[in-house]
């Protein structure tokens, strides 16, 4: 979903994604990597602040599945997959 929404997000100057209540779902093995999978409720807010698109603003809440991988370089966890499951 990150790739699918990239063009949509490009229209807005301000994008805010607030995750709530991450719930651990499972661990997955992807090749030689271990990913942790969480179900995450979120609120998304996008806003056109410079007026290119009529100062539009939209908000949505939903549920997404996030998959995280821990980096070997700095041990930080990063999102490698995001699937919006709000309409499933």
PDB file of N, CA and C in Angstrom:
ATOM      1  N   UNK A   1       0.810  -1.200   0.000  1.00  0.00           N
ATOM      2  CA  UNK A   1       0.000   0.000   0.000  1.00  0.00           C
ATOM      3  C   UNK A   1       0.852   1.263   0.000  1.00  0.00           C
ATOM      4  N   UNK A   2       2.072   1.174   0.497  1.00  0.00           N
ATOM      5  CA  UNK A   2       2.949   2.352   0.469  1.00  0.00           C
ATOM      6  C   UNK A   2       3.170   2.784  -0.976  1.00  0.00           C
ATOM      7  N   UNK A   3       3.444   1.834  -1.855  1.00  0.00           N
ATOM      8  CA  UNK A   3       3.669   2.164  -3.265  1.00  0.00           C
ATOM      9  C   UNK A   3       2.394   2.692  -3.918  1.00  0.00           C
ATOM     10  N   UNK A   4       1.256   2.087  -3.601  1.00  0.00           N
ATOM     11  CA  UNK A   4      -0.006   2.506  -4.218  1.00  0.00           C
ATOM     12  C   UNK A   4      -0.426   3.900  -3.795  1.00  0.00           C
ATOM     13  N   UNK A   5      -0.065   4.311  -2.599  1.00  0.00           N
ATOM     14  CA  UNK A   5      -0.500   5.617  -2.107  1.00  0.00           C
ATOM     15  C   UNK A   5       0.542   6.708  -2.309  1.00  0.00           C
ATOM     16  N   UNK A   6       1.686   6.362  -2.847  1.00  0.00           N
ATOM     17  CA  UNK A   6       2.760   7.348  -3.042  1.00  0.00           C
ATOM     18  C   UNK A   6       2.274   8.550  -3.868  1.00  0.00           C
ATOM     19  N   UNK A   7       1.584   8.305  -4.980  1.00  0.00           N
ATOM     20  CA  UNK A   7       1.102   9.411  -5.822  1.00  0.00           C
ATOM     21  C   UNK A   7       0.033  10.237  -5.122  1.00  0.00           C
ATOM     22  N   UNK A   8      -0.840   9.585  -4.386  1.00  0.00           N
ATOM     23  CA  UNK A   8      -1.855  10.321  -3.632  1.00  0.00           C
ATOM     24  C   UNK A   8      -1.187  11.255  -2.629  1.00  0.00           C
ATOM     25  N   UNK A   9      -0.228  10.749  -1.880  1.00  0.00           N
ATOM     26  CA  UNK A   9       0.447  11.556  -0.870  1.00  0.00           C
ATOM     27  C   UNK A   9       1.227  12.704  -1.494  1.00  0.00           C
ATOM     28  N   UNK A  10       1.678  12.557  -2.728  1.00  0.00           N
ATOM     29  CA  UNK A  10       2.471  13.610  -3.380  1.00  0.00           C
ATOM     30  C   UNK A  10       1.671  14.896  -3.571  1.00  0.00           C
ATOM     31  N   UNK A  11       0.348  14.812  -3.581  1.00  0.00           N
ATOM     32  CA  UNK A  11      -0.483  16.001  -3.767  1.00  0.00           C
ATOM     33  C   UNK A  11      -0.593  16.859  -2.513  1.00  0.00           C
ATOM     34  N   UNK A  12      -0.257  16.313  -1.362  1.00  0.00           N
ATOM     35  CA  UNK A  12      -0.471  17.013  -0.101  1.00  0.00           C
ATOM     36  C   UNK A  12       0.847  17.482   0.499  1.00  0.00           C
ATOM     37  N   UNK A  13       0.798  18.635   1.152  1.00  0.00           N
ATOM     38  CA  UNK A  13       1.985  19.222   1.770  1.00  0.00           C
ATOM     39  C   UNK A  13       2.205  18.702   3.188  1.00  0.00           C
ATOM     40  N   UNK A  14       1.140  18.309   3.837  1.00  0.00           N
ATOM     41  CA  UNK A  14       1.234  17.848   5.223  1.00  0.00           C
ATOM     42  C   UNK A  14       0.586  16.477   5.322  1.00  0.00           C
ATOM     43  N   UNK A  15       1.346  15.505   5.780  1.00  0.00           N
ATOM     44  CA  UNK A  15       0.858  14.139   5.933  1.00  0.00           C
ATOM     45  C   UNK A  15       1.174  13.701   7.352  1.00  0.00           C
ATOM     46  N   UNK A  16       0.138  13.248   8.047  1.00  0.00           N
ATOM     47  CA  UNK A  16       0.350  12.801   9.423  1.00  0.00           C
ATOM     48  C   UNK A  16      -0.288  11.427   9.583  1.00  0.00           C
ATOM     49  N   UNK A  17       0.506  10.470  10.043  1.00  0.00           N
ATOM     50  CA  UNK A  17       0.025   9.118  10.312  1.00  0.00           C
ATOM     51  C   UNK A  17       0.271   8.831  11.785  1.00  0.00           C
ATOM     52  N   UNK A  18      -0.809   8.730  12.539  1.00  0.00           N
ATOM     53  CA  UNK A  18      -0.720   8.459  13.973  1.00  0.00           C
ATOM     54  C   UNK A  18      -1.168   7.028  14.240  1.00  0.00           C
ATOM     55  N   UNK A  19      -0.236   6.139  14.588  1.00  0.00           N
ATOM     56  CA  UNK A  19      -0.624   4.766  14.920  1.00  0.00           C
ATOM     57  C   UNK A  19      -1.108   4.686  16.369  1.00  0.00           C
ATOM     58  N   UNK A  20      -2.089   3.824  16.610  1.00  0.00           N
ATOM     59  CA  UNK A  20      -2.600   3.571  17.955  1.00  0.00           C
ATOM     60  C   UNK A  20      -2.581   2.078  18.216  1.00  0.00           C
ATOM     61  N   UNK A  21      -2.336   1.717  19.401  1.00  0.00           N
ATOM     62  CA  UNK A  21      -2.537   0.362  19.910  1.00  0.00           C
ATOM     63  C   UNK A  21      -1.986  -0.721  18.969  1.00  0.00           C
ATOM     64  N   UNK A  22      -0.679  -0.779  18.773  1.00  0.00           N
ATOM     65  CA  UNK A  22      -0.143  -1.891  17.975  1.00  0.00           C
ATOM     66  C   UNK A  22      -0.312  -3.210  18.733  1.00  0.00           C
ATOM     67  N   UNK A  23      -0.817  -4.217  18.035  1.00  0.00           N
ATOM     68  CA  UNK A  23      -1.052  -5.525  18.636  1.00  0.00           C
ATOM     69  C   UNK A  23      -0.199  -6.543  17.893  1.00  0.00           C
ATOM     70  N   UNK A  24       0.708  -7.207  18.622  1.00  0.00           N
ATOM     71  CA  UNK A  24       1.560  -8.219  17.995  1.00  0.00           C
ATOM     72  C   UNK A  24       0.687  -9.332  17.439  1.00  0.00           C
ATOM     73  N   UNK A  25       0.950  -9.717  16.179  1.00  0.00           N
ATOM     74  CA  UNK A  25       0.161 -10.747  15.513  1.00  0.00           C
ATOM     75  C   UNK A  25       0.950 -12.037  15.323  1.00  0.00           C
ATOM     76  N   UNK A  26       2.179 -11.910  14.786  1.00  0.00           N
ATOM     77  CA  UNK A  26       2.957 -13.124  14.511  1.00  0.00           C
ATOM     78  C   UNK A  26       4.382 -12.748  14.110  1.00  0.00           C
ATOM     79  N   UNK A  27       5.222 -13.759  14.021  1.00  0.00           N
ATOM     80  CA  UNK A  27       6.577 -13.622  13.491  1.00  0.00           C
ATOM     81  C   UNK A  27       6.626 -14.352  12.156  1.00  0.00           C
ATOM     82  N   UNK A  28       7.288 -13.757  11.164  1.00  0.00           N
ATOM     83  CA  UNK A  28       7.458 -14.392   9.853  1.00  0.00           C
ATOM     84  C   UNK A  28       8.941 -14.486   9.530  1.00  0.00           C
ATOM     85  N   UNK A  29       9.311 -15.553   8.864  1.00  0.00           N
ATOM     86  CA  UNK A  29      10.676 -15.714   8.364  1.00  0.00           C
ATOM     87  C   UNK A  29      10.657 -15.403   6.876  1.00  0.00           C
ATOM     88  N   UNK A  30      11.473 -14.436   6.447  1.00  0.00           N
ATOM     89  CA  UNK A  30      11.590 -14.048   5.040  1.00  0.00           C
ATOM     90  C   UNK A  30      13.051 -14.239   4.638  1.00  0.00           C
ATOM     91  N   UNK A  31      13.346 -15.363   4.001  1.00  0.00           N
ATOM     92  CA  UNK A  31      14.738 -15.666   3.659  1.00  0.00           C
ATOM     93  C   UNK A  31      15.542 -15.852   4.932  1.00  0.00           C
ATOM     94  N   UNK A  32      16.567 -15.024   5.111  1.00  0.00           N
ATOM     95  CA  UNK A  32      17.379 -15.107   6.329  1.00  0.00           C
ATOM     96  C   UNK A  32      16.994 -14.036   7.349  1.00  0.00           C
ATOM     97  N   UNK A  33      15.854 -13.376   7.135  1.00  0.00           N
ATOM     98  CA  UNK A  33      15.403 -12.309   8.034  1.00  0.00           C
ATOM     99  C   UNK A  33      14.173 -12.755   8.827  1.00  0.00           C
ATOM    100  N   UNK A  34      14.044 -12.202  10.015  1.00  0.00           N
ATOM    101  CA  UNK A  34      12.861 -12.409  10.836  1.00  0.00           C
ATOM    102  C   UNK A  34      12.084 -11.101  10.892  1.00  0.00           C
ATOM    103  N   UNK A  35      10.817 -11.153  10.513  1.00  0.00           N
ATOM    104  CA  UNK A  35       9.955  -9.974  10.542  1.00  0.00           C
ATOM    105  C   UNK A  35       8.927 -10.150  11.646  1.00  0.00           C
ATOM    106  N   UNK A  36       8.605  -9.059  12.336  1.00  0.00           N
ATOM    107  CA  UNK A  36       7.534  -9.064  13.319  1.00  0.00           C
ATOM    108  C   UNK A  36       6.329  -8.359  12.706  1.00  0.00           C
ATOM    109  N   UNK A  37       5.164  -8.971  12.857  1.00  0.00           N
ATOM    110  CA  UNK A  37       3.944  -8.468  12.234  1.00  0.00           C
ATOM    111  C   UNK A  37       3.000  -7.958  13.324  1.00  0.00           C
ATOM    112  N   UNK A  38       2.526  -6.729  13.126  1.00  0.00           N
ATOM    113  CA  UNK A  38       1.604  -6.097  14.069  1.00  0.00           C
ATOM    114  C   UNK A  38       0.363  -5.615  13.332  1.00  0.00           C
ATOM    115  N   UNK A  39      -0.779  -5.740  13.976  1.00  0.00           N
ATOM    116  CA  UNK A  39      -2.006  -5.081  13.532  1.00  0.00           C
ATOM    117  C   UNK A  39      -2.030  -3.734  14.248  1.00  0.00           C
ATOM    118  N   UNK A  40      -2.249  -2.666  13.492  1.00  0.00           N
ATOM    119  CA  UNK A  40      -2.149  -1.319  14.056  1.00  0.00           C
ATOM    120  C   UNK A  40      -3.356  -0.486  13.621  1.00  0.00           C
ATOM    121  N   UNK A  41      -4.073   0.032  14.588  1.00  0.00           N
ATOM    122  CA  UNK A  41      -5.111   1.023  14.290  1.00  0.00           C
ATOM    123  C   UNK A  41      -4.421   2.363  14.065  1.00  0.00           C
ATOM    124  N   UNK A  42      -4.954   3.172  13.150  1.00  0.00           N
ATOM    125  CA  UNK A  42      -4.278   4.427  12.824  1.00  0.00           C
ATOM    126  C   UNK A  42      -5.277   5.522  12.479  1.00  0.00           C
ATOM    127  N   UNK A  43      -4.787   6.750  12.541  1.00  0.00           N
ATOM    128  CA  UNK A  43      -5.508   7.904  12.003  1.00  0.00           C
ATOM    129  C   UNK A  43      -4.578   8.572  11.007  1.00  0.00           C
ATOM    130  N   UNK A  44      -5.080   8.814   9.803  1.00  0.00           N
ATOM    131  CA  UNK A  44      -4.326   9.465   8.738  1.00  0.00           C
ATOM    132  C   UNK A  44      -4.950  10.819   8.456  1.00  0.00           C
ATOM    133  N   UNK A  45      -4.116  11.838   8.387  1.00  0.00           N
ATOM    134  CA  UNK A  45      -4.573  13.188   8.059  1.00  0.00           C
ATOM    135  C   UNK A  45      -3.674  13.730   6.956  1.00  0.00           C
ATOM    136  N   UNK A  46      -4.280  14.219   5.878  1.00  0.00           N
ATOM    137  CA  UNK A  46      -3.523  14.833   4.780  1.00  0.00           C
ATOM    138  C   UNK A  46      -4.111  16.209   4.510  1.00  0.00           C
ATOM    139  N   UNK A  47      -3.228  17.171   4.185  1.00  0.00           N
ATOM    140  CA  UNK A  47      -3.701  18.549   4.009  1.00  0.00           C
ATOM    141  C   UNK A  47      -2.873  19.266   2.955  1.00  0.00           C
ATOM    142  N   UNK A  48      -3.569  20.015   2.098  1.00  0.00           N
ATOM    143  CA  UNK A  48      -2.941  20.890   1.107  1.00  0.00           C
ATOM    144  C   UNK A  48      -2.801  22.264   1.757  1.00  0.00           C
ATOM    145  N   UNK A  49      -1.607  22.590   2.236  1.00  0.00           N
ATOM    146  CA  UNK A  49      -1.413  23.851   2.965  1.00  0.00           C
ATOM    147  C   UNK A  49      -1.071  25.025   2.064  1.00  0.00           C
ATOM    148  N   UNK A  50      -0.600  24.762   0.829  1.00  0.00           N
ATOM    149  CA  UNK A  50      -0.217  25.889  -0.035  1.00  0.00           C
ATOM    150  C   UNK A  50      -1.288  26.264  -1.060  1.00  0.00           C
ATOM    151  N   UNK A  51      -2.414  25.562  -1.068  1.00  0.00           N
ATOM    152  CA  UNK A  51      -3.539  25.942  -1.915  1.00  0.00           C
ATOM    153  C   UNK A  51      -3.496  25.429  -3.334  1.00  0.00           C
ATOM    154  N   UNK A  52      -2.546  24.572  -3.682  1.00  0.00           N
ATOM    155  CA  UNK A  52      -2.473  24.029  -5.038  1.00  0.00           C
ATOM    156  C   UNK A  52      -3.720  23.231  -5.415  1.00  0.00           C
ATOM    157  N   UNK A  53      -4.372  22.642  -4.426  1.00  0.00           N
ATOM    158  CA  UNK A  53      -5.554  21.813  -4.670  1.00  0.00           C
ATOM    159  C   UNK A  53      -6.725  22.277  -3.806  1.00  0.00           C
ATOM    160  N   UNK A  54      -6.897  23.580  -3.688  1.00  0.00           N
ATOM    161  CA  UNK A  54      -8.050  24.150  -2.996  1.00  0.00           C
ATOM    162  C   UNK A  54      -8.034  23.996  -1.489  1.00  0.00           C
ATOM    163  N   UNK A  55      -6.842  23.880  -0.915  1.00  0.00           N
ATOM    164  CA  UNK A  55      -6.691  23.741   0.539  1.00  0.00           C
ATOM    165  C   UNK A  55      -7.470  22.541   1.085  1.00  0.00           C
ATOM    166  N   UNK A  56      -7.521  21.473   0.290  1.00  0.00           N
ATOM    167  CA  UNK A  56      -8.239  20.260   0.696  1.00  0.00           C
ATOM    168  C   UNK A  56      -7.589  19.632   1.920  1.00  0.00           C
ATOM    169  N   UNK A  57      -8.426  19.017   2.758  1.00  0.00           N
ATOM    170  CA  UNK A  57      -7.952  18.284   3.929  1.00  0.00           C
ATOM    171  C   UNK A  57      -8.835  17.060   4.115  1.00  0.00           C
ATOM    172  N   UNK A  58      -8.211  15.914   4.370  1.00  0.00           N
ATOM    173  CA  UNK A  58      -8.944  14.672   4.568  1.00  0.00           C
ATOM    174  C   UNK A  58      -8.392  13.950   5.782  1.00  0.00           C
ATOM    175  N   UNK A  59      -9.278  13.232   6.477  1.00  0.00           N
ATOM    176  CA  UNK A  59      -8.873  12.414   7.609  1.00  0.00           C
ATOM    177  C   UNK A  59      -9.556  11.063   7.496  1.00  0.00           C
ATOM    178  N   UNK A  60      -8.857  10.041   7.959  1.00  0.00           N
ATOM    179  CA  UNK A  60      -9.410   8.694   7.943  1.00  0.00           C
ATOM    180  C   UNK A  60      -8.828   7.910   9.109  1.00  0.00           C
ATOM    181  N   UNK A  61      -9.602   6.972   9.606  1.00  0.00           N
ATOM    182  CA  UNK A  61      -9.097   6.030  10.595  1.00  0.00           C
ATOM    183  C   UNK A  61      -9.211   4.644   9.997  1.00  0.00           C
ATOM    184  N   UNK A  62      -8.371   3.742  10.462  1.00  0.00           N
ATOM    185  CA  UNK A  62      -8.417   2.408   9.903  1.00  0.00           C
ATOM    186  C   UNK A  62      -7.547   1.425  10.651  1.00  0.00           C
ATOM    187  N   UNK A  63      -7.354   0.276  10.032  1.00  0.00           N
ATOM    188  CA  UNK A  63      -6.545  -0.811  10.568  1.00  0.00           C
ATOM    189  C   UNK A  63      -5.565  -1.243   9.488  1.00  0.00           C
ATOM    190  N   UNK A  64      -4.320  -1.386   9.859  1.00  0.00           N
ATOM    191  CA  UNK A  64      -3.301  -1.817   8.901  1.00  0.00           C
ATOM    192  C   UNK A  64      -2.457  -2.932   9.505  1.00  0.00           C
ATOM    193  N   UNK A  65      -1.853  -3.706   8.621  1.00  0.00           N
ATOM    194  CA  UNK A  65      -0.873  -4.696   9.043  1.00  0.00           C
ATOM    195  C   UNK A  65       0.503  -4.146   8.701  1.00  0.00           C
ATOM    196  N   UNK A  66       1.348  -4.043   9.708  1.00  0.00           N
ATOM    197  CA  UNK A  66       2.710  -3.563   9.533  1.00  0.00           C
ATOM    198  C   UNK A  66       3.671  -4.716   9.766  1.00  0.00           C
ATOM    199  N   UNK A  67       4.666  -4.840   8.884  1.00  0.00           N
ATOM    200  CA  UNK A  67       5.726  -5.827   9.078  1.00  0.00           C
ATOM    201  C   UNK A  67       7.026  -5.065   9.289  1.00  0.00           C
ATOM    202  N   UNK A  68       7.718  -5.413  10.364  1.00  0.00           N
ATOM    203  CA  UNK A  68       8.948  -4.729  10.751  1.00  0.00           C
ATOM    204  C   UNK A  68      10.132  -5.678  10.647  1.00  0.00           C
ATOM    205  N   UNK A  69      11.275  -5.102  10.255  1.00  0.00           N
ATOM    206  CA  UNK A  69      12.536  -5.841  10.201  1.00  0.00           C
ATOM    207  C   UNK A  69      13.562  -5.047  10.988  1.00  0.00           C
ATOM    208  N   UNK A  70      14.346  -5.756  11.811  1.00  0.00           N
ATOM    209  CA  UNK A  70      15.395  -5.091  12.572  1.00  0.00           C
ATOM    210  C   UNK A  70      16.658  -5.002  11.721  1.00  0.00           C
ATOM    211  N   UNK A  71      17.210  -3.801  11.612  1.00  0.00           N
ATOM    212  CA  UNK A  71      18.396  -3.556  10.800  1.00  0.00           C
ATOM    213  C   UNK A  71      19.631  -4.154  11.460  1.00  0.00           C
ATOM    214  N   UNK A  72      20.455  -4.826  10.665  1.00  0.00           N
ATOM    215  CA  UNK A  72      21.732  -5.338  11.168  1.00  0.00           C
ATOM    216  C   UNK A  72      22.712  -4.209  11.443  1.00  0.00           C
ATOM    217  N   UNK A  73      22.558  -3.090  10.736  1.00  0.00           N
ATOM    218  CA  UNK A  73      23.509  -1.982  10.852  1.00  0.00           C
ATOM    219  C   UNK A  73      23.341  -1.176  12.131  1.00  0.00           C
ATOM    220  N   UNK A  74      22.086  -0.853  12.494  1.00  0.00           N
ATOM    221  CA  UNK A  74      21.884   0.023  13.658  1.00  0.00           C
ATOM    222  C   UNK A  74      20.867  -0.524  14.664  1.00  0.00           C
ATOM    223  N   UNK A  75      20.375  -1.743  14.440  1.00  0.00           N
ATOM    224  CA  UNK A  75      19.408  -2.408  15.322  1.00  0.00           C
ATOM    225  C   UNK A  75      18.058  -1.702  15.429  1.00  0.00           C
ATOM    226  N   UNK A  76      17.777  -0.714  14.577  1.00  0.00           N
ATOM    227  CA  UNK A  76      16.475  -0.060  14.578  1.00  0.00           C
ATOM    228  C   UNK A  76      15.473  -0.907  13.794  1.00  0.00           C
ATOM    229  N   UNK A  77      14.216  -0.888  14.241  1.00  0.00           N
ATOM    230  CA  UNK A  77      13.153  -1.594  13.538  1.00  0.00           C
ATOM    231  C   UNK A  77      12.563  -0.675  12.482  1.00  0.00           C
ATOM    232  N   UNK A  78      12.392  -1.200  11.266  1.00  0.00           N
ATOM    233  CA  UNK A  78      11.860  -0.405  10.161  1.00  0.00           C
ATOM    234  C   UNK A  78      10.694  -1.139   9.505  1.00  0.00           C
ATOM    235  N   UNK A  79       9.731  -0.355   9.015  1.00  0.00           N
ATOM    236  CA  UNK A  79       8.592  -0.936   8.305  1.00  0.00           C
ATOM    237  C   UNK A  79       9.061  -1.397   6.930  1.00  0.00           C
ATOM    238  N   UNK A  80       8.809  -2.667   6.605  1.00  0.00           N
ATOM    239  CA  UNK A  80       9.147  -3.193   5.282  1.00  0.00           C
ATOM    240  C   UNK A  80       7.888  -3.506   4.469  1.00  0.00           C
ATOM    241  N   UNK A  81       6.738  -3.495   5.133  1.00  0.00           N
ATOM    242  CA  UNK A  81       5.485  -3.820   4.457  1.00  0.00           C
ATOM    243  C   UNK A  81       4.350  -3.170   5.225  1.00  0.00           C
ATOM    244  N   UNK A  82       3.404  -2.614   4.480  1.00  0.00           N
ATOM    245  CA  UNK A  82       2.225  -1.996   5.096  1.00  0.00           C
ATOM    246  C   UNK A  82       1.031  -2.341   4.230  1.00  0.00           C
ATOM    247  N   UNK A  83       0.013  -2.952   4.824  1.00  0.00           N
ATOM    248  CA  UNK A  83      -1.197  -3.315   4.098  1.00  0.00           C
ATOM    249  C   UNK A  83      -2.395  -2.728   4.832  1.00  0.00           C
ATOM    250  N   UNK A  84      -3.099  -1.798   4.204  1.00  0.00           N
ATOM    251  CA  UNK A  84      -4.292  -1.199   4.792  1.00  0.00           C
ATOM    252  C   UNK A  84      -5.408  -2.236   4.758  1.00  0.00           C
ATOM    253  N   UNK A  85      -5.884  -2.636   5.915  1.00  0.00           N
ATOM    254  CA  UNK A  85      -6.931  -3.651   6.011  1.00  0.00           C
ATOM    255  C   UNK A  85      -8.256  -3.059   6.470  1.00  0.00           C
ATOM    256  N   UNK A  86      -8.413  -1.772   6.306  1.00  0.00           N
ATOM    257  CA  UNK A  86      -9.608  -1.075   6.785  1.00  0.00           C
ATOM    258  C   UNK A  86     -10.883  -1.542   6.100  1.00  0.00           C
ATOM    259  N   UNK A  87     -10.808  -1.928   4.835  1.00  0.00           N
ATOM    260  CA  UNK A  87     -12.003  -2.308   4.075  1.00  0.00           C
ATOM    261  C   UNK A  87     -12.084  -3.796   3.801  1.00  0.00           C
ATOM    262  N   UNK A  88     -11.371  -4.589   4.556  1.00  0.00           N
ATOM    263  CA  UNK A  88     -11.381  -6.035   4.309  1.00  0.00           C
ATOM    264  C   UNK A  88     -12.328  -6.737   5.242  1.00  0.00           C
TER     265      UNK A  88
END
